């Protein structure tokens, strides 16, 4: 079943460009990864969304994903509340719809 990861990042003041450059140039060769995106919120935080074949693929990719994080960790601010420099959540899809652009 399709699974998703969502991870929030908050670059340190003055490190947004460096974060974007490092983050966007990482090689993401993960088995089961279908689609990946990075977005910037109105608050200035960033979040990534990954679509995966299964939750097991996410679990198997975690060591490599942590290695990727280590390459830009120095650009990130701590969130506090024992979160560290990321606020991550992942799980299997309960509802997964595809729209063709037509309104019924």
PDB file of N, CA and C in Angstrom:
ATOM      1  N   UNK A   1       0.840  -1.192   0.000  1.00  0.00           N
ATOM      2  CA  UNK A   1       0.000   0.000   0.000  1.00  0.00           C
ATOM      3  C   UNK A   1       0.875   1.242   0.000  1.00  0.00           C
ATOM      4  N   UNK A   2       0.476   2.253  -0.721  1.00  0.00           N
ATOM      5  CA  UNK A   2       1.213   3.510  -0.809  1.00  0.00           C
ATOM      6  C   UNK A   2       1.434   4.089   0.579  1.00  0.00           C
ATOM      7  N   UNK A   3       2.627   4.662   0.787  1.00  0.00           N
ATOM      8  CA  UNK A   3       2.965   5.311   2.048  1.00  0.00           C
ATOM      9  C   UNK A   3       3.591   6.670   1.747  1.00  0.00           C
ATOM     10  N   UNK A   4       3.556   7.544   2.733  1.00  0.00           N
ATOM     11  CA  UNK A   4       4.064   8.906   2.566  1.00  0.00           C
ATOM     12  C   UNK A   4       4.953   9.299   3.733  1.00  0.00           C
ATOM     13  N   UNK A   5       5.936  10.158   3.426  1.00  0.00           N
ATOM     14  CA  UNK A   5       6.734  10.819   4.454  1.00  0.00           C
ATOM     15  C   UNK A   5       6.536  12.320   4.283  1.00  0.00           C
ATOM     16  N   UNK A   6       6.452  13.007   5.411  1.00  0.00           N
ATOM     17  CA  UNK A   6       6.416  14.470   5.418  1.00  0.00           C
ATOM     18  C   UNK A   6       7.410  14.911   6.484  1.00  0.00           C
ATOM     19  N   UNK A   7       8.343  15.772   6.084  1.00  0.00           N
ATOM     20  CA  UNK A   7       9.365  16.240   7.018  1.00  0.00           C
ATOM     21  C   UNK A   7       9.442  17.759   6.938  1.00  0.00           C
ATOM     22  N   UNK A   8       9.374  18.408   8.105  1.00  0.00           N
ATOM     23  CA  UNK A   8       9.458  19.866   8.178  1.00  0.00           C
ATOM     24  C   UNK A   8      10.879  20.258   8.575  1.00  0.00           C
ATOM     25  N   UNK A   9      11.378  21.318   7.936  1.00  0.00           N
ATOM     26  CA  UNK A   9      12.711  21.845   8.192  1.00  0.00           C
ATOM     27  C   UNK A   9      12.617  23.349   8.443  1.00  0.00           C
ATOM     28  N   UNK A  10      13.498  23.869   9.301  1.00  0.00           N
ATOM     29  CA  UNK A  10      13.565  25.312   9.550  1.00  0.00           C
ATOM     30  C   UNK A  10      15.030  25.737   9.456  1.00  0.00           C
ATOM     31  N   UNK A  11      15.419  26.325   8.332  1.00  0.00           N
ATOM     32  CA  UNK A  11      16.809  26.773   8.219  1.00  0.00           C
ATOM     33  C   UNK A  11      17.133  27.881   9.225  1.00  0.00           C
ATOM     34  N   UNK A  12      18.393  27.919   9.624  1.00  0.00           N
ATOM     35  CA  UNK A  12      18.872  29.000  10.481  1.00  0.00           C
ATOM     36  C   UNK A  12      18.794  30.312   9.703  1.00  0.00           C
ATOM     37  N   UNK A  13      18.703  31.406  10.439  1.00  0.00           N
ATOM     38  CA  UNK A  13      18.685  32.732   9.819  1.00  0.00           C
ATOM     39  C   UNK A  13      19.891  32.877   8.894  1.00  0.00           C
ATOM     40  N   UNK A  14      19.637  33.316   7.672  1.00  0.00           N
ATOM     41  CA  UNK A  14      20.704  33.532   6.707  1.00  0.00           C
ATOM     42  C   UNK A  14      21.210  32.272   6.017  1.00  0.00           C
ATOM     43  N   UNK A  15      20.582  31.110   6.277  1.00  0.00           N
ATOM     44  CA  UNK A  15      21.052  29.851   5.685  1.00  0.00           C
ATOM     45  C   UNK A  15      20.039  29.243   4.709  1.00  0.00           C
ATOM     46  N   UNK A  16      18.995  29.972   4.368  1.00  0.00           N
ATOM     47  CA  UNK A  16      17.949  29.423   3.500  1.00  0.00           C
ATOM     48  C   UNK A  16      18.495  29.005   2.129  1.00  0.00           C
ATOM     49  N   UNK A  17      19.268  29.877   1.487  1.00  0.00           N
ATOM     50  CA  UNK A  17      19.815  29.543   0.164  1.00  0.00           C
ATOM     51  C   UNK A  17      20.723  28.325   0.231  1.00  0.00           C
ATOM     52  N   UNK A  18      21.594  28.287   1.247  1.00  0.00           N
ATOM     53  CA  UNK A  18      22.495  27.144   1.395  1.00  0.00           C
ATOM     54  C   UNK A  18      21.703  25.865   1.613  1.00  0.00           C
ATOM     55  N   UNK A  19      20.678  25.935   2.475  1.00  0.00           N
ATOM     56  CA  UNK A  19      19.828  24.764   2.709  1.00  0.00           C
ATOM     57  C   UNK A  19      19.208  24.289   1.397  1.00  0.00           C
ATOM     58  N   UNK A  20      18.597  25.207   0.655  1.00  0.00           N
ATOM     59  CA  UNK A  20      17.938  24.826  -0.597  1.00  0.00           C
ATOM     60  C   UNK A  20      18.918  24.185  -1.579  1.00  0.00           C
ATOM     61  N   UNK A  21      20.081  24.788  -1.721  1.00  0.00           N
ATOM     62  CA  UNK A  21      21.079  24.257  -2.652  1.00  0.00           C
ATOM     63  C   UNK A  21      21.506  22.855  -2.251  1.00  0.00           C
ATOM     64  N   UNK A  22      21.875  22.676  -0.991  1.00  0.00           N
ATOM     65  CA  UNK A  22      22.322  21.358  -0.525  1.00  0.00           C
ATOM     66  C   UNK A  22      21.196  20.337  -0.626  1.00  0.00           C
ATOM     67  N   UNK A  23      20.004  20.709  -0.164  1.00  0.00           N
ATOM     68  CA  UNK A  23      18.875  19.785  -0.155  1.00  0.00           C
ATOM     69  C   UNK A  23      18.501  19.347  -1.570  1.00  0.00           C
ATOM     70  N   UNK A  24      18.454  20.303  -2.488  1.00  0.00           N
ATOM     71  CA  UNK A  24      18.004  19.997  -3.848  1.00  0.00           C
ATOM     72  C   UNK A  24      19.024  19.214  -4.660  1.00  0.00           C
ATOM     73  N   UNK A  25      20.282  19.205  -4.244  1.00  0.00           N
ATOM     74  CA  UNK A  25      21.319  18.509  -4.995  1.00  0.00           C
ATOM     75  C   UNK A  25      21.680  17.138  -4.432  1.00  0.00           C
ATOM     76  N   UNK A  26      20.949  16.675  -3.438  1.00  0.00           N
ATOM     77  CA  UNK A  26      21.186  15.346  -2.868  1.00  0.00           C
ATOM     78  C   UNK A  26      20.685  14.278  -3.832  1.00  0.00           C
ATOM     79  N   UNK A  27      21.447  13.207  -3.944  1.00  0.00           N
ATOM     80  CA  UNK A  27      21.012  12.056  -4.739  1.00  0.00           C
ATOM     81  C   UNK A  27      20.025  11.253  -3.900  1.00  0.00           C
ATOM     82  N   UNK A  28      18.875  10.992  -4.455  1.00  0.00           N
ATOM     83  CA  UNK A  28      17.833  10.229  -3.759  1.00  0.00           C
ATOM     84  C   UNK A  28      17.559   8.957  -4.543  1.00  0.00           C
ATOM     85  N   UNK A  29      18.405   7.977  -4.360  1.00  0.00           N
ATOM     86  CA  UNK A  29      18.238   6.686  -5.022  1.00  0.00           C
ATOM     87  C   UNK A  29      17.729   5.679  -3.997  1.00  0.00           C
ATOM     88  N   UNK A  30      16.455   5.799  -3.683  1.00  0.00           N
ATOM     89  CA  UNK A  30      15.830   4.947  -2.689  1.00  0.00           C
ATOM     90  C   UNK A  30      14.874   3.988  -3.377  1.00  0.00           C
ATOM     91  N   UNK A  31      15.019   2.724  -3.097  1.00  0.00           N
ATOM     92  CA  UNK A  31      14.087   1.744  -3.644  1.00  0.00           C
ATOM     93  C   UNK A  31      12.689   2.037  -3.116  1.00  0.00           C
ATOM     94  N   UNK A  32      11.718   2.072  -4.016  1.00  0.00           N
ATOM     95  CA  UNK A  32      10.328   2.278  -3.623  1.00  0.00           C
ATOM     96  C   UNK A  32       9.884   3.720  -3.607  1.00  0.00           C
ATOM     97  N   UNK A  33      10.804   4.675  -3.782  1.00  0.00           N
ATOM     98  CA  UNK A  33      10.418   6.090  -3.807  1.00  0.00           C
ATOM     99  C   UNK A  33       9.826   6.417  -5.167  1.00  0.00           C
ATOM    100  N   UNK A  34       8.558   6.863  -5.169  1.00  0.00           N
ATOM    101  CA  UNK A  34       7.851   7.169  -6.416  1.00  0.00           C
ATOM    102  C   UNK A  34       7.958   8.633  -6.809  1.00  0.00           C
ATOM    103  N   UNK A  35       7.780   9.497  -5.822  1.00  0.00           N
ATOM    104  CA  UNK A  35       7.697  10.929  -6.099  1.00  0.00           C
ATOM    105  C   UNK A  35       8.214  11.664  -4.875  1.00  0.00           C
ATOM    106  N   UNK A  36       8.867  12.812  -5.112  1.00  0.00           N
ATOM    107  CA  UNK A  36       9.433  13.573  -4.005  1.00  0.00           C
ATOM    108  C   UNK A  36       9.316  15.056  -4.319  1.00  0.00           C
ATOM    109  N   UNK A  37       8.983  15.863  -3.325  1.00  0.00           N
ATOM    110  CA  UNK A  37       8.858  17.308  -3.524  1.00  0.00           C
ATOM    111  C   UNK A  37       9.327  18.046  -2.274  1.00  0.00           C
ATOM    112  N   UNK A  38       9.815  19.265  -2.487  1.00  0.00           N
ATOM    113  CA  UNK A  38      10.151  20.186  -1.403  1.00  0.00           C
ATOM    114  C   UNK A  38       9.327  21.437  -1.608  1.00  0.00           C
ATOM    115  N   UNK A  39       8.702  21.923  -0.553  1.00  0.00           N
ATOM    116  CA  UNK A  39       7.890  23.138  -0.629  1.00  0.00           C
ATOM    117  C   UNK A  39       8.297  24.078   0.500  1.00  0.00           C
ATOM    118  N   UNK A  40       8.033  25.362   0.298  1.00  0.00           N
ATOM    119  CA  UNK A  40       8.307  26.375   1.319  1.00  0.00           C
ATOM    120  C   UNK A  40       6.985  26.981   1.761  1.00  0.00           C
ATOM    121  N   UNK A  41       6.752  26.993   3.063  1.00  0.00           N
ATOM    122  CA  UNK A  41       5.498  27.520   3.594  1.00  0.00           C
ATOM    123  C   UNK A  41       5.583  29.036   3.757  1.00  0.00           C
ATOM    124  N   UNK A  42       4.452  29.656   3.987  1.00  0.00           N
ATOM    125  CA  UNK A  42       4.390  31.099   4.186  1.00  0.00           C
ATOM    126  C   UNK A  42       5.185  31.525   5.419  1.00  0.00           C
ATOM    127  N   UNK A  43       5.338  30.622   6.387  1.00  0.00           N
ATOM    128  CA  UNK A  43       6.080  30.948   7.611  1.00  0.00           C
ATOM    129  C   UNK A  43       7.590  30.925   7.405  1.00  0.00           C
ATOM    130  N   UNK A  44       8.037  30.401   6.258  1.00  0.00           N
ATOM    131  CA  UNK A  44       9.469  30.294   5.995  1.00  0.00           C
ATOM    132  C   UNK A  44      10.032  28.916   6.265  1.00  0.00           C
ATOM    133  N   UNK A  45       9.236  28.044   6.884  1.00  0.00           N
ATOM    134  CA  UNK A  45       9.651  26.656   7.053  1.00  0.00           C
ATOM    135  C   UNK A  45       9.517  25.943   5.710  1.00  0.00           C
ATOM    136  N   UNK A  46      10.264  24.867   5.555  1.00  0.00           N
ATOM    137  CA  UNK A  46      10.184  24.033   4.366  1.00  0.00           C
ATOM    138  C   UNK A  46       9.611  22.686   4.774  1.00  0.00           C
ATOM    139  N   UNK A  47       9.037  21.973   3.817  1.00  0.00           N
ATOM    140  CA  UNK A  47       8.618  20.607   4.093  1.00  0.00           C
ATOM    141  C   UNK A  47       8.789  19.773   2.834  1.00  0.00           C
ATOM    142  N   UNK A  48       9.218  18.536   3.066  1.00  0.00           N
ATOM    143  CA  UNK A  48       9.353  17.593   1.962  1.00  0.00           C
ATOM    144  C   UNK A  48       8.240  16.568   2.068  1.00  0.00           C
ATOM    145  N   UNK A  49       7.820  16.083   0.913  1.00  0.00           N
ATOM    146  CA  UNK A  49       6.795  15.049   0.847  1.00  0.00           C
ATOM    147  C   UNK A  49       7.322  13.953  -0.073  1.00  0.00           C
ATOM    148  N   UNK A  50       7.330  12.737   0.422  1.00  0.00           N
ATOM    149  CA  UNK A  50       7.747  11.607  -0.379  1.00  0.00           C
ATOM    150  C   UNK A  50       6.616  10.607  -0.513  1.00  0.00           C
ATOM    151  N   UNK A  51       6.414  10.117  -1.716  1.00  0.00           N
ATOM    152  CA  UNK A  51       5.430   9.064  -1.972  1.00  0.00           C
ATOM    153  C   UNK A  51       6.204   7.778  -2.239  1.00  0.00           C
ATOM    154  N   UNK A  52       5.839   6.707  -1.526  1.00  0.00           N
ATOM    155  CA  UNK A  52       6.573   5.446  -1.558  1.00  0.00           C
ATOM    156  C   UNK A  52       5.648   4.286  -1.914  1.00  0.00           C
ATOM    157  N   UNK A  53       6.235   3.222  -2.436  1.00  0.00           N
ATOM    158  CA  UNK A  53       5.456   2.017  -2.748  1.00  0.00           C
ATOM    159  C   UNK A  53       4.839   1.416  -1.492  1.00  0.00           C
ATOM    160  N   UNK A  54       5.639   1.315  -0.415  1.00  0.00           N
ATOM    161  CA  UNK A  54       5.160   0.718   0.841  1.00  0.00           C
ATOM    162  C   UNK A  54       5.850   1.386   2.024  1.00  0.00           C
ATOM    163  N   UNK A  55       5.285   1.209   3.198  1.00  0.00           N
ATOM    164  CA  UNK A  55       5.906   1.727   4.415  1.00  0.00           C
ATOM    165  C   UNK A  55       7.244   1.032   4.672  1.00  0.00           C
ATOM    166  N   UNK A  56       7.353  -0.232   4.299  1.00  0.00           N
ATOM    167  CA  UNK A  56       8.604  -0.967   4.483  1.00  0.00           C
ATOM    168  C   UNK A  56       9.746  -0.327   3.701  1.00  0.00           C
ATOM    169  N   UNK A  57       9.442   0.254   2.540  1.00  0.00           N
ATOM    170  CA  UNK A  57      10.469   0.961   1.778  1.00  0.00           C
ATOM    171  C   UNK A  57      10.971   2.184   2.551  1.00  0.00           C
ATOM    172  N   UNK A  58      10.088   2.880   3.235  1.00  0.00           N
ATOM    173  CA  UNK A  58      10.488   4.024   4.056  1.00  0.00           C
ATOM    174  C   UNK A  58      11.435   3.567   5.154  1.00  0.00           C
ATOM    175  N   UNK A  59      11.053   2.515   5.849  1.00  0.00           N
ATOM    176  CA  UNK A  59      11.881   1.986   6.944  1.00  0.00           C
ATOM    177  C   UNK A  59      13.263   1.606   6.425  1.00  0.00           C
ATOM    178  N   UNK A  60      13.322   0.926   5.286  1.00  0.00           N
ATOM    179  CA  UNK A  60      14.602   0.493   4.729  1.00  0.00           C
ATOM    180  C   UNK A  60      15.469   1.676   4.301  1.00  0.00           C
ATOM    181  N   UNK A  61      14.844   2.783   3.901  1.00  0.00           N
ATOM    182  CA  UNK A  61      15.595   3.948   3.418  1.00  0.00           C
ATOM    183  C   UNK A  61      16.063   4.871   4.537  1.00  0.00           C
ATOM    184  N   UNK A  62      15.584   4.692   5.751  1.00  0.00           N
ATOM    185  CA  UNK A  62      15.908   5.626   6.840  1.00  0.00           C
ATOM    186  C   UNK A  62      17.398   5.840   7.053  1.00  0.00           C
ATOM    187  N   UNK A  63      18.240   4.803   7.059  1.00  0.00           N
ATOM    188  CA  UNK A  63      19.675   5.067   7.251  1.00  0.00           C
ATOM    189  C   UNK A  63      20.254   5.996   6.175  1.00  0.00           C
ATOM    190  N   UNK A  64      19.867   5.804   4.915  1.00  0.00           N
ATOM    191  CA  UNK A  64      20.355   6.679   3.838  1.00  0.00           C
ATOM    192  C   UNK A  64      19.768   8.085   3.980  1.00  0.00           C
ATOM    193  N   UNK A  65      18.495   8.183   4.380  1.00  0.00           N
ATOM    194  CA  UNK A  65      17.884   9.497   4.555  1.00  0.00           C
ATOM    195  C   UNK A  65      18.579  10.265   5.673  1.00  0.00           C
ATOM    196  N   UNK A  66      18.958   9.570   6.751  1.00  0.00           N
ATOM    197  CA  UNK A  66      19.687  10.228   7.832  1.00  0.00           C
ATOM    198  C   UNK A  66      21.071  10.670   7.364  1.00  0.00           C
ATOM    199  N   UNK A  67      21.695   9.877   6.511  1.00  0.00           N
ATOM    200  CA  UNK A  67      22.964  10.281   5.922  1.00  0.00           C
ATOM    201  C   UNK A  67      22.814  11.548   5.090  1.00  0.00           C
ATOM    202  N   UNK A  68      21.726  11.634   4.322  1.00  0.00           N
ATOM    203  CA  UNK A  68      21.454  12.853   3.556  1.00  0.00           C
ATOM    204  C   UNK A  68      21.262  14.041   4.485  1.00  0.00           C
ATOM    205  N   UNK A  69      20.499  13.849   5.551  1.00  0.00           N
ATOM    206  CA  UNK A  69      20.267  14.919   6.524  1.00  0.00           C
ATOM    207  C   UNK A  69      21.589  15.429   7.091  1.00  0.00           C
ATOM    208  N   UNK A  70      22.509  14.535   7.354  1.00  0.00           N
ATOM    209  CA  UNK A  70      23.796  14.947   7.917  1.00  0.00           C
ATOM    210  C   UNK A  70      24.551  15.898   7.002  1.00  0.00           C
ATOM    211  N   UNK A  71      24.286  15.844   5.692  1.00  0.00           N
ATOM    212  CA  UNK A  71      25.003  16.709   4.755  1.00  0.00           C
ATOM    213  C   UNK A  71      24.524  18.164   4.782  1.00  0.00           C
ATOM    214  N   UNK A  72      23.337  18.420   5.352  1.00  0.00           N
ATOM    215  CA  UNK A  72      22.848  19.800   5.456  1.00  0.00           C
ATOM    216  C   UNK A  72      22.354  20.147   6.859  1.00  0.00           C
ATOM    217  N   UNK A  73      22.562  19.271   7.813  1.00  0.00           N
ATOM    218  CA  UNK A  73      22.109  19.472   9.198  1.00  0.00           C
ATOM    219  C   UNK A  73      22.604  20.811   9.766  1.00  0.00           C
ATOM    220  N   UNK A  74      23.826  21.204   9.409  1.00  0.00           N
ATOM    221  CA  UNK A  74      24.421  22.435   9.944  1.00  0.00           C
ATOM    222  C   UNK A  74      23.646  23.692   9.527  1.00  0.00           C
ATOM    223  N   UNK A  75      22.771  23.598   8.529  1.00  0.00           N
ATOM    224  CA  UNK A  75      21.996  24.758   8.075  1.00  0.00           C
ATOM    225  C   UNK A  75      20.674  24.902   8.821  1.00  0.00           C
ATOM    226  N   UNK A  76      20.335  23.922   9.670  1.00  0.00           N
ATOM    227  CA  UNK A  76      19.006  23.865  10.279  1.00  0.00           C
ATOM    228  C   UNK A  76      18.989  24.321  11.731  1.00  0.00           C
ATOM    229  N   UNK A  77      17.889  24.958  12.110  1.00  0.00           N
ATOM    230  CA  UNK A  77      17.640  25.365  13.488  1.00  0.00           C
ATOM    231  C   UNK A  77      16.897  24.251  14.212  1.00  0.00           C
ATOM    232  N   UNK A  78      17.085  24.184  15.511  1.00  0.00           N
ATOM    233  CA  UNK A  78      16.368  23.210  16.349  1.00  0.00           C
ATOM    234  C   UNK A  78      14.913  23.671  16.506  1.00  0.00           C
ATOM    235  N   UNK A  79      13.998  22.716  16.476  1.00  0.00           N
ATOM    236  CA  UNK A  79      12.588  23.014  16.715  1.00  0.00           C
ATOM    237  C   UNK A  79      12.269  23.086  18.201  1.00  0.00           C
ATOM    238  N   UNK A  80      13.045  22.415  19.033  1.00  0.00           N
ATOM    239  CA  UNK A  80      12.735  22.343  20.453  1.00  0.00           C
ATOM    240  C   UNK A  80      11.783  21.196  20.725  1.00  0.00           C
ATOM    241  N   UNK A  81      11.317  21.083  21.957  1.00  0.00           N
ATOM    242  CA  UNK A  81      10.379  20.038  22.365  1.00  0.00           C
ATOM    243  C   UNK A  81      10.863  18.650  21.952  1.00  0.00           C
ATOM    244  N   UNK A  82      12.177  18.429  22.042  1.00  0.00           N
ATOM    245  CA  UNK A  82      12.799  17.139  21.722  1.00  0.00           C
ATOM    246  C   UNK A  82      12.629  16.712  20.267  1.00  0.00           C
ATOM    247  N   UNK A  83      12.345  17.647  19.369  1.00  0.00           N
ATOM    248  CA  UNK A  83      12.198  17.305  17.955  1.00  0.00           C
ATOM    249  C   UNK A  83      13.536  17.286  17.233  1.00  0.00           C
ATOM    250  N   UNK A  84      14.486  18.072  17.670  1.00  0.00           N
ATOM    251  CA  UNK A  84      15.744  18.193  16.949  1.00  0.00           C
ATOM    252  C   UNK A  84      15.580  19.153  15.783  1.00  0.00           C
ATOM    253  N   UNK A  85      16.234  18.847  14.635  1.00  0.00           N
ATOM    254  CA  UNK A  85      16.211  19.763  13.495  1.00  0.00           C
ATOM    255  C   UNK A  85      15.185  19.371  12.431  1.00  0.00           C
ATOM    256  N   UNK A  86      14.424  18.306  12.676  1.00  0.00           N
ATOM    257  CA  UNK A  86      13.349  17.925  11.760  1.00  0.00           C
ATOM    258  C   UNK A  86      12.097  17.585  12.548  1.00  0.00           C
ATOM    259  N   UNK A  87      10.985  17.737  11.902  1.00  0.00           N
ATOM    260  CA  UNK A  87       9.691  17.334  12.449  1.00  0.00           C
ATOM    261  C   UNK A  87       9.096  16.397  11.400  1.00  0.00           C
ATOM    262  N   UNK A  88       9.248  15.093  11.624  1.00  0.00           N
ATOM    263  CA  UNK A  88       8.910  14.099  10.598  1.00  0.00           C
ATOM    264  C   UNK A  88       7.738  13.231  11.008  1.00  0.00           C
ATOM    265  N   UNK A  89       6.989  12.818   9.998  1.00  0.00           N
ATOM    266  CA  UNK A  89       5.897  11.868  10.202  1.00  0.00           C
ATOM    267  C   UNK A  89       5.772  11.028   8.933  1.00  0.00           C
ATOM    268  N   UNK A  90       5.394   9.781   9.087  1.00  0.00           N
ATOM    269  CA  UNK A  90       5.215   8.913   7.923  1.00  0.00           C
ATOM    270  C   UNK A  90       4.167   7.853   8.235  1.00  0.00           C
ATOM    271  N   UNK A  91       3.586   7.303   7.188  1.00  0.00           N
ATOM    272  CA  UNK A  91       2.601   6.250   7.375  1.00  0.00           C
ATOM    273  C   UNK A  91       1.963   5.825   6.068  1.00  0.00           C
ATOM    274  N   UNK A  92       1.128   4.787   6.169  1.00  0.00           N
ATOM    275  CA  UNK A  92       0.433   4.257   5.000  1.00  0.00           C
ATOM    276  C   UNK A  92      -0.792   5.101   4.674  1.00  0.00           C
ATOM    277  N   UNK A  93      -1.079   5.199   3.389  1.00  0.00           N
ATOM    278  CA  UNK A  93      -2.213   5.989   2.923  1.00  0.00           C
ATOM    279  C   UNK A  93      -3.532   5.337   3.334  1.00  0.00           C
ATOM    280  N   UNK A  94      -4.448   6.138   3.796  1.00  0.00           N
ATOM    281  CA  UNK A  94      -5.812   5.705   4.093  1.00  0.00           C
ATOM    282  C   UNK A  94      -6.718   6.072   2.917  1.00  0.00           C
ATOM    283  N   UNK A  95      -6.468   7.229   2.322  1.00  0.00           N
ATOM    284  CA  UNK A  95      -7.198   7.704   1.162  1.00  0.00           C
ATOM    285  C   UNK A  95      -6.173   8.234   0.180  1.00  0.00           C
ATOM    286  N   UNK A  96      -6.244   7.805  -1.061  1.00  0.00           N
ATOM    287  CA  UNK A  96      -5.269   8.197  -2.076  1.00  0.00           C
ATOM    288  C   UNK A  96      -6.021   8.406  -3.379  1.00  0.00           C
ATOM    289  N   UNK A  97      -6.318   9.666  -3.708  1.00  0.00           N
ATOM    290  CA  UNK A  97      -7.122   9.995  -4.879  1.00  0.00           C
ATOM    291  C   UNK A  97      -6.266  10.652  -5.955  1.00  0.00           C
ATOM    292  N   UNK A  98      -6.599  10.419  -7.191  1.00  0.00           N
ATOM    293  CA  UNK A  98      -5.977  11.093  -8.320  1.00  0.00           C
ATOM    294  C   UNK A  98      -7.067  11.828  -9.078  1.00  0.00           C
ATOM    295  N   UNK A  99      -6.823  13.092  -9.354  1.00  0.00           N
ATOM    296  CA  UNK A  99      -7.804  13.895 -10.060  1.00  0.00           C
ATOM    297  C   UNK A  99      -7.350  14.134 -11.485  1.00  0.00           C
ATOM    298  N   UNK A 100      -8.318  14.188 -12.376  1.00  0.00           N
ATOM    299  CA  UNK A 100      -8.003  14.421 -13.789  1.00  0.00           C
ATOM    300  C   UNK A 100      -8.242  15.872 -14.185  1.00  0.00           C
ATOM    301  N   UNK A 101      -8.550  16.723 -13.198  1.00  0.00           N
ATOM    302  CA  UNK A 101      -8.765  18.136 -13.479  1.00  0.00           C
ATOM    303  C   UNK A 101     -10.197  18.482 -13.808  1.00  0.00           C
ATOM    304  N   UNK A 102     -11.037  17.476 -13.947  1.00  0.00           N
ATOM    305  CA  UNK A 102     -12.445  17.719 -14.265  1.00  0.00           C
ATOM    306  C   UNK A 102     -13.256  17.756 -12.976  1.00  0.00           C
ATOM    307  N   UNK A 103     -14.154  18.706 -12.906  1.00  0.00           N
ATOM    308  CA  UNK A 103     -15.031  18.811 -11.752  1.00  0.00           C
ATOM    309  C   UNK A 103     -16.312  18.074 -12.081  1.00  0.00           C
ATOM    310  N   UNK A 104     -16.715  17.144 -11.196  1.00  0.00           N
ATOM    311  CA  UNK A 104     -17.931  16.367 -11.487  1.00  0.00           C
ATOM    312  C   UNK A 104     -19.179  17.237 -11.496  1.00  0.00           C
TER     313      UNK A 104
END
